[in-house]
Amino acid sequence: MLSAAEGILLSIATVEASMGVLGNTFIATVNCMNWAKNKKLSKIGFLLIGLATSRIFIIWILTLDAYAKLFYRSKYLSNILNEIVSYMWMTVNHLTTWFATSLSIFYFLKIANFSHCIFLWLKRRTDKVFVFLLGCLLISWIISFSIFVKVMENNKMNHRNRTSEAYWEKMQFTINYVLINIGVISLFMMTLTACFLLIISLWRHRRQMQSNVSGFRDINTEAHVKAIKFLISFIILFILYFIGVSIEIICIFIPENKLLFIFGFTTASAYPCCHSFILILTNSQLKQAFVKVLRGLKFSEKGKYLRAT
């Protein structure tokens, strides 16, 4: 049985997961409809569809793993399902991070304004940047997958000796965890770098525009402030996601601390949930489609009420 605090946290995490699935499904659906309507798919559209789809899978994996460890721990950990979920997690986590990184870099190249020769060279060669990012994803996944397979095989072989060398096991686990996620960590650092540079560019531009008090300039300044807030919220949520996942993994060594594990699950689930709605509210096409859906729901509720009366 769960305590009151554990039950409340788990309920919050479940609501986050449900809202995350709905939000990301909406993003993927709207972009797929635009693709079908325009008969072509832009890079940003492709990245939004990929990010939303991979986030749906990551939410389901996080939720399945959390509930299985909380309520069916002994059966789940000794079952082949645990191994399958681990392989799926590693692959989908790579994809989610890669799509987020690519989207951040493309927004950075599209919006930022720097006079440095490297930035100008990259801005003119977005196709090559895309190919480079695809290469980074493929290489990092191959390296991580090969290390992960070796770790899983070693764990099976050394299962009987685990309790005798607990300290060494923790040290080895930490090293393996870093090696497996070295590609994800690299992509994560690229995302943070692109976001920080974009914030710097927007902040500089905002300061240059503050001296001009015309209405058009004021609107542009407000838009830049909103963009900075969006980027800061994304960075915070992205960091919280990695913190939450790390907490869940640390809890392998303290399985009795369910509250900490559920806290990690809640923290990790906040990113795919909250950021999907931030994307909807800051993207003009997604926002318009979202408003239309809300109006449709409102009119349908009014119709039901009138028929009932």
Protein backbone atom coordinates (compact mmCIF):
# COMPACT_ATOMS: atom_id res chain seq x y z
CA MET A 1 0.00 0.00 0.00
CA LEU A 2 1.08 3.55 -0.70
CA SER A 3 1.12 6.31 1.90
CA ALA A 4 -0.96 9.48 1.49
CA ALA A 5 2.02 11.49 0.19
CA GLU A 6 2.99 8.70 -2.23
CA GLY A 7 -0.60 8.42 -3.47
CA ILE A 8 -0.89 12.18 -4.07
CA LEU A 9 2.44 12.33 -5.95
CA LEU A 10 1.51 9.30 -8.05
CA SER A 11 -1.85 10.90 -8.92
CA ILE A 12 -0.08 14.11 -9.99
CA ALA A 13 2.38 12.11 -12.12
CA THR A 14 -0.48 10.16 -13.74
CA VAL A 15 -2.34 13.38 -14.58
CA GLU A 16 0.89 14.82 -16.04
CA ALA A 17 1.36 11.69 -18.15
CA SER A 18 -2.25 11.79 -19.40
CA MET A 19 -2.05 15.48 -20.28
CA GLY A 20 1.32 14.91 -21.93
CA VAL A 21 -0.12 12.22 -24.20
CA LEU A 22 -3.05 14.48 -25.15
CA GLY A 23 -0.85 17.52 -25.79
CA ASN A 24 1.72 15.67 -27.88
CA THR A 25 -0.98 13.79 -29.80
CA PHE A 26 -2.52 17.17 -30.67
CA ILE A 27 0.86 18.53 -31.89
CA ALA A 28 1.53 15.46 -34.03
CA THR A 29 -2.02 15.44 -35.46
CA VAL A 30 -2.02 19.15 -36.42
CA ASN A 31 1.36 18.89 -38.14
CA CYS A 32 0.35 15.69 -39.97
CA MET A 33 -2.83 17.42 -41.19
CA ASN A 34 -0.78 20.39 -42.43
CA TRP A 35 1.54 17.94 -44.18
CA ALA A 36 -1.41 16.24 -45.92
CA LYS A 37 -2.96 19.62 -46.81
CA ASN A 38 0.19 21.26 -48.22
CA LYS A 39 1.59 18.05 -49.74
CA LYS A 40 5.01 18.85 -48.27
CA LEU A 41 6.69 18.68 -44.88
CA SER A 42 9.10 21.31 -43.60
CA LYS A 43 12.06 20.44 -41.37
CA ILE A 44 10.40 22.17 -38.42
CA GLY A 45 7.18 20.22 -39.07
CA PHE A 46 9.12 16.95 -39.27
CA LEU A 47 10.92 17.74 -36.00
CA LEU A 48 7.67 18.66 -34.23
CA ILE A 49 5.99 15.41 -35.37
CA GLY A 50 9.04 13.38 -34.34
CA LEU A 51 9.36 15.14 -30.99
CA ALA A 52 5.66 14.74 -30.16
CA THR A 53 5.57 11.06 -31.22
CA SER A 54 8.73 10.13 -29.32
CA ARG A 55 7.42 11.93 -26.24
CA ILE A 56 4.20 9.90 -26.36
CA PHE A 57 6.29 6.72 -26.32
CA ILE A 58 8.56 8.03 -23.55
CA ILE A 59 5.52 8.88 -21.40
CA TRP A 60 4.10 5.38 -21.85
CA ILE A 61 7.45 3.78 -21.03
CA LEU A 62 7.93 5.98 -17.94
CA THR A 63 4.40 5.19 -16.73
CA LEU A 64 4.61 1.45 -17.41
CA ASP A 65 8.00 1.21 -15.70
CA ALA A 66 6.86 3.24 -12.67
CA TYR A 67 3.63 1.29 -12.06
CA ALA A 68 5.32 -2.06 -12.64
CA LYS A 69 8.11 -1.26 -10.15
CA LEU A 70 5.65 0.05 -7.57
CA PHE A 71 3.04 -2.71 -7.69
CA TYR A 72 4.69 -5.73 -9.40
CA ARG A 73 8.36 -5.18 -8.54
CA SER A 74 9.46 -8.77 -7.86
CA LYS A 75 7.79 -10.19 -10.98
CA TYR A 76 8.71 -7.24 -13.22
CA LEU A 77 12.44 -7.12 -12.38
CA SER A 78 12.83 -10.87 -12.92
CA ASN A 79 10.79 -10.79 -16.14
CA ILE A 80 12.06 -10.38 -19.70
CA LEU A 81 9.62 -7.46 -19.96
CA ASN A 82 12.02 -5.39 -17.85
CA GLU A 83 14.82 -6.03 -20.35
CA ILE A 84 12.59 -5.15 -23.32
CA VAL A 85 11.45 -1.92 -21.65
CA SER A 86 15.09 -1.03 -20.93
CA TYR A 87 16.06 -1.41 -24.60
CA MET A 88 12.99 0.58 -25.70
CA TRP A 89 13.77 3.27 -23.14
CA MET A 90 17.33 3.68 -24.37
CA THR A 91 16.23 4.02 -28.01
CA VAL A 92 13.27 6.34 -27.42
CA ASN A 93 15.25 8.49 -24.98
CA HIS A 94 17.88 9.01 -27.68
CA LEU A 95 15.19 9.97 -30.20
CA THR A 96 13.39 12.36 -27.83
CA THR A 97 16.62 14.14 -26.91
CA TRP A 98 17.75 14.27 -30.55
CA PHE A 99 14.47 15.82 -31.76
CA ALA A 100 14.58 18.39 -28.93
CA THR A 101 18.22 19.19 -29.77
CA SER A 102 17.56 19.50 -33.50
CA LEU A 103 14.52 21.72 -32.92
CA SER A 104 16.51 23.98 -30.58
CA ILE A 105 19.39 24.28 -33.05
CA PHE A 106 17.11 25.03 -36.00
CA TYR A 107 15.24 27.71 -34.03
CA PHE A 108 18.62 29.11 -32.98
CA LEU A 109 19.86 29.30 -36.59
CA LYS A 110 16.55 30.76 -37.77
CA ILE A 111 16.01 33.43 -35.08
CA ALA A 112 19.40 34.32 -33.58
CA ASN A 113 21.49 37.16 -34.96
CA PHE A 114 25.27 36.90 -34.59
CA SER A 115 28.01 38.29 -36.81
CA HIS A 116 30.47 35.49 -36.06
CA CYS A 117 31.72 33.69 -39.17
CA ILE A 118 30.94 30.20 -37.79
CA PHE A 119 27.31 31.14 -37.06
CA LEU A 120 26.88 32.70 -40.53
CA TRP A 121 28.42 29.61 -42.13
CA LEU A 122 26.02 27.31 -40.23
CA LYS A 123 23.02 29.55 -40.99
CA ARG A 124 23.66 29.17 -44.73
CA ARG A 125 24.07 25.40 -44.48
CA THR A 126 21.11 24.13 -42.44
CA ASP A 127 20.88 20.99 -44.61
CA LYS A 128 24.44 20.03 -43.65
CA VAL A 129 23.67 20.76 -40.02
CA PHE A 130 20.69 18.38 -40.26
CA VAL A 131 22.86 15.63 -41.77
CA PHE A 132 25.48 16.20 -39.06
CA LEU A 133 22.83 15.86 -36.33
CA LEU A 134 21.53 12.65 -37.92
CA GLY A 135 25.08 11.29 -37.89
CA CYS A 136 25.43 12.23 -34.20
CA LEU A 137 22.21 10.37 -33.40
CA LEU A 138 23.25 7.22 -35.29
CA ILE A 139 26.77 7.09 -33.83
CA SER A 140 25.65 7.79 -30.25
CA TRP A 141 22.88 5.17 -30.47
CA ILE A 142 25.21 2.48 -31.86
CA ILE A 143 27.79 3.15 -29.13
CA SER A 144 25.17 3.24 -26.38
CA PHE A 145 23.41 0.11 -27.66
CA SER A 146 26.64 -1.92 -27.80
CA ILE A 147 27.60 -0.86 -24.24
CA PHE A 148 24.07 -1.55 -23.02
CA VAL A 149 24.08 -5.08 -24.47
CA LYS A 150 27.41 -5.84 -22.71
CA VAL A 151 26.11 -4.44 -19.43
CA MET A 152 22.92 -6.53 -19.61
CA GLU A 153 24.92 -9.68 -20.35
CA ASN A 154 27.37 -8.98 -17.49
CA ASN A 155 24.47 -8.39 -15.11
CA LYS A 156 23.00 -11.78 -16.00
CA MET A 157 26.35 -13.53 -15.50
CA ASN A 158 27.17 -11.79 -12.21
CA HIS A 159 23.68 -11.85 -10.72
CA ARG A 160 24.64 -14.31 -7.98
CA ASN A 161 27.58 -12.17 -6.80
CA ARG A 162 25.75 -8.83 -6.58
CA THR A 163 25.27 -8.67 -2.82
CA SER A 164 28.93 -9.40 -1.97
CA GLU A 165 30.34 -6.27 -3.63
CA ALA A 166 27.63 -3.64 -3.20
CA TYR A 167 29.98 -0.65 -3.24
CA TRP A 168 31.77 -1.80 -6.40
CA GLU A 169 28.40 -2.53 -7.98
CA LYS A 170 27.27 1.07 -7.42
CA MET A 171 30.54 2.44 -8.79
CA GLN A 172 30.37 0.20 -11.86
CA PHE A 173 26.69 1.03 -12.37
CA THR A 174 27.43 4.77 -12.31
CA ILE A 175 30.25 4.37 -14.85
CA ASN A 176 28.06 2.22 -17.12
CA TYR A 177 25.17 4.68 -16.82
CA VAL A 178 27.39 7.58 -17.93
CA LEU A 179 28.88 5.56 -20.81
CA ILE A 180 25.46 4.40 -22.04
CA ASN A 181 24.10 7.95 -21.97
CA ILE A 182 27.20 9.75 -23.24
CA GLY A 183 25.45 10.46 -26.55
CA VAL A 184 22.30 11.72 -24.81
CA ILE A 185 24.42 13.90 -22.51
CA SER A 186 26.23 15.36 -25.53
CA LEU A 187 22.93 16.17 -27.25
CA PHE A 188 21.63 17.63 -24.00
CA MET A 189 24.65 19.96 -23.77
CA MET A 190 24.16 21.00 -27.40
CA THR A 191 20.53 21.87 -26.61
CA LEU A 192 21.49 23.98 -23.60
CA THR A 193 24.20 25.77 -25.61
CA ALA A 194 21.80 26.60 -28.46
CA CYS A 195 19.13 27.84 -26.04
CA PHE A 196 21.55 30.00 -24.03
CA LEU A 197 23.00 31.56 -27.21
CA LEU A 198 19.49 32.25 -28.50
CA ILE A 199 18.55 33.90 -25.19
CA ILE A 200 21.66 36.08 -25.42
CA SER A 201 20.78 37.07 -29.00
CA LEU A 202 17.17 37.90 -28.09
CA TRP A 203 18.25 39.84 -25.01
CA ARG A 204 20.72 41.92 -27.03
CA HIS A 205 18.06 42.66 -29.64
CA ARG A 206 15.56 43.62 -26.94
CA ARG A 207 17.99 46.07 -25.37
CA GLN A 208 18.65 47.70 -28.76
CA MET A 209 14.91 48.16 -29.30
CA GLN A 210 14.14 49.62 -25.86
CA SER A 211 15.24 53.12 -26.89
CA ASN A 212 12.54 53.20 -29.57
CA VAL A 213 9.04 53.69 -28.10
CA SER A 214 6.94 53.21 -31.23
CA GLY A 215 4.04 50.76 -31.06
CA PHE A 216 5.59 48.37 -33.57
CA ARG A 217 8.82 48.25 -31.59
CA ASP A 218 6.89 47.71 -28.35
CA ILE A 219 5.10 44.71 -29.87
CA ASN A 220 8.41 43.27 -31.06
CA THR A 221 9.97 43.80 -27.63
CA GLU A 222 7.07 41.98 -25.98
CA ALA A 223 7.47 39.10 -28.44
CA HIS A 224 11.18 38.84 -27.60
CA VAL A 225 10.41 38.77 -23.86
CA LYS A 226 7.89 35.96 -24.41
CA ALA A 227 10.46 34.03 -26.47
CA ILE A 228 13.06 34.39 -23.70
CA LYS A 229 10.55 33.16 -21.09
CA PHE A 230 9.68 30.20 -23.31
CA LEU A 231 13.34 29.24 -23.70
CA ILE A 232 14.04 29.55 -19.98
CA SER A 233 11.01 27.38 -19.15
CA PHE A 234 12.17 24.80 -21.71
CA ILE A 235 15.66 24.68 -20.18
CA ILE A 236 14.24 24.26 -16.66
CA LEU A 237 11.85 21.49 -17.74
CA PHE A 238 14.56 19.72 -19.74
CA ILE A 239 16.92 19.75 -16.75
CA LEU A 240 14.11 18.53 -14.45
CA TYR A 241 13.47 15.64 -16.85
CA PHE A 242 17.06 14.41 -16.56
CA ILE A 243 17.02 14.92 -12.79
CA GLY A 244 13.79 12.92 -12.49
CA VAL A 245 15.11 10.05 -14.63
CA SER A 246 18.36 10.00 -12.62
CA ILE A 247 16.38 9.81 -9.36
CA GLU A 248 14.38 6.84 -10.71
CA ILE A 249 17.61 5.05 -11.66
CA ILE A 250 19.25 5.80 -8.27
CA CYS A 251 16.21 4.24 -6.59
CA ILE A 252 17.33 0.86 -7.97
CA PHE A 253 19.68 0.75 -4.96
CA ILE A 254 17.03 1.95 -2.47
CA PRO A 255 13.84 0.14 -3.61
CA GLU A 256 12.20 0.66 -0.22
CA ASN A 257 12.07 4.45 -0.74
CA LYS A 258 8.92 4.60 -2.86
CA LEU A 259 8.33 8.29 -2.15
CA LEU A 260 11.65 9.28 -3.74
CA PHE A 261 10.97 7.05 -6.74
CA ILE A 262 7.50 8.55 -7.29
CA PHE A 263 8.99 12.03 -6.90
CA GLY A 264 11.45 11.19 -9.69
CA PHE A 265 8.59 9.90 -11.86
CA THR A 266 6.58 13.10 -11.22
CA THR A 267 9.58 15.33 -11.99
CA ALA A 268 10.42 13.46 -15.21
CA SER A 269 6.79 13.52 -16.41
CA ALA A 270 6.56 17.31 -16.08
CA TYR A 271 8.78 17.91 -19.15
CA PRO A 272 6.83 16.05 -21.88
CA CYS A 273 3.55 17.34 -20.42
CA CYS A 274 4.23 21.03 -19.73
CA HIS A 275 6.50 21.66 -22.70
CA SER A 276 3.92 20.29 -25.15
CA PHE A 277 1.40 22.93 -24.03
CA ILE A 278 4.09 25.64 -24.05
CA LEU A 279 4.76 24.70 -27.70
CA ILE A 280 1.03 24.88 -28.48
CA LEU A 281 0.68 28.34 -26.91
CA THR A 282 3.81 29.79 -28.57
CA ASN A 283 3.33 28.33 -32.07
CA SER A 284 0.79 30.34 -34.09
CA GLN A 285 -0.53 27.38 -36.13
CA LEU A 286 -0.84 25.11 -33.11
CA LYS A 287 -2.45 27.88 -31.06
CA GLN A 288 -5.07 28.60 -33.75
CA ALA A 289 -5.91 24.90 -34.06
CA PHE A 290 -6.12 24.59 -30.26
CA VAL A 291 -8.52 27.57 -30.05
CA LYS A 292 -10.70 25.99 -32.76
CA VAL A 293 -10.84 22.73 -30.80
CA LEU A 294 -11.80 24.56 -27.61
CA ARG A 295 -14.52 26.50 -29.44
CA GLY A 296 -15.85 23.29 -30.96
CA LEU A 297 -16.00 21.65 -27.53
CA LYS A 298 -17.71 24.74 -26.11
CA PHE A 299 -20.37 24.77 -28.84
CA SER A 300 -20.98 21.02 -28.49
CA GLU A 301 -21.48 21.43 -24.73
CA LYS A 302 -23.93 24.29 -25.35
CA GLY A 303 -25.81 22.12 -27.85
CA LYS A 304 -26.09 19.28 -25.34
CA TYR A 305 -27.32 21.71 -22.67
CA LEU A 306 -29.99 23.18 -24.99
CA ARG A 307 -31.20 19.74 -26.00
CA ALA A 308 -31.37 18.74 -22.34
CA THR A 309 -33.47 21.79 -21.44
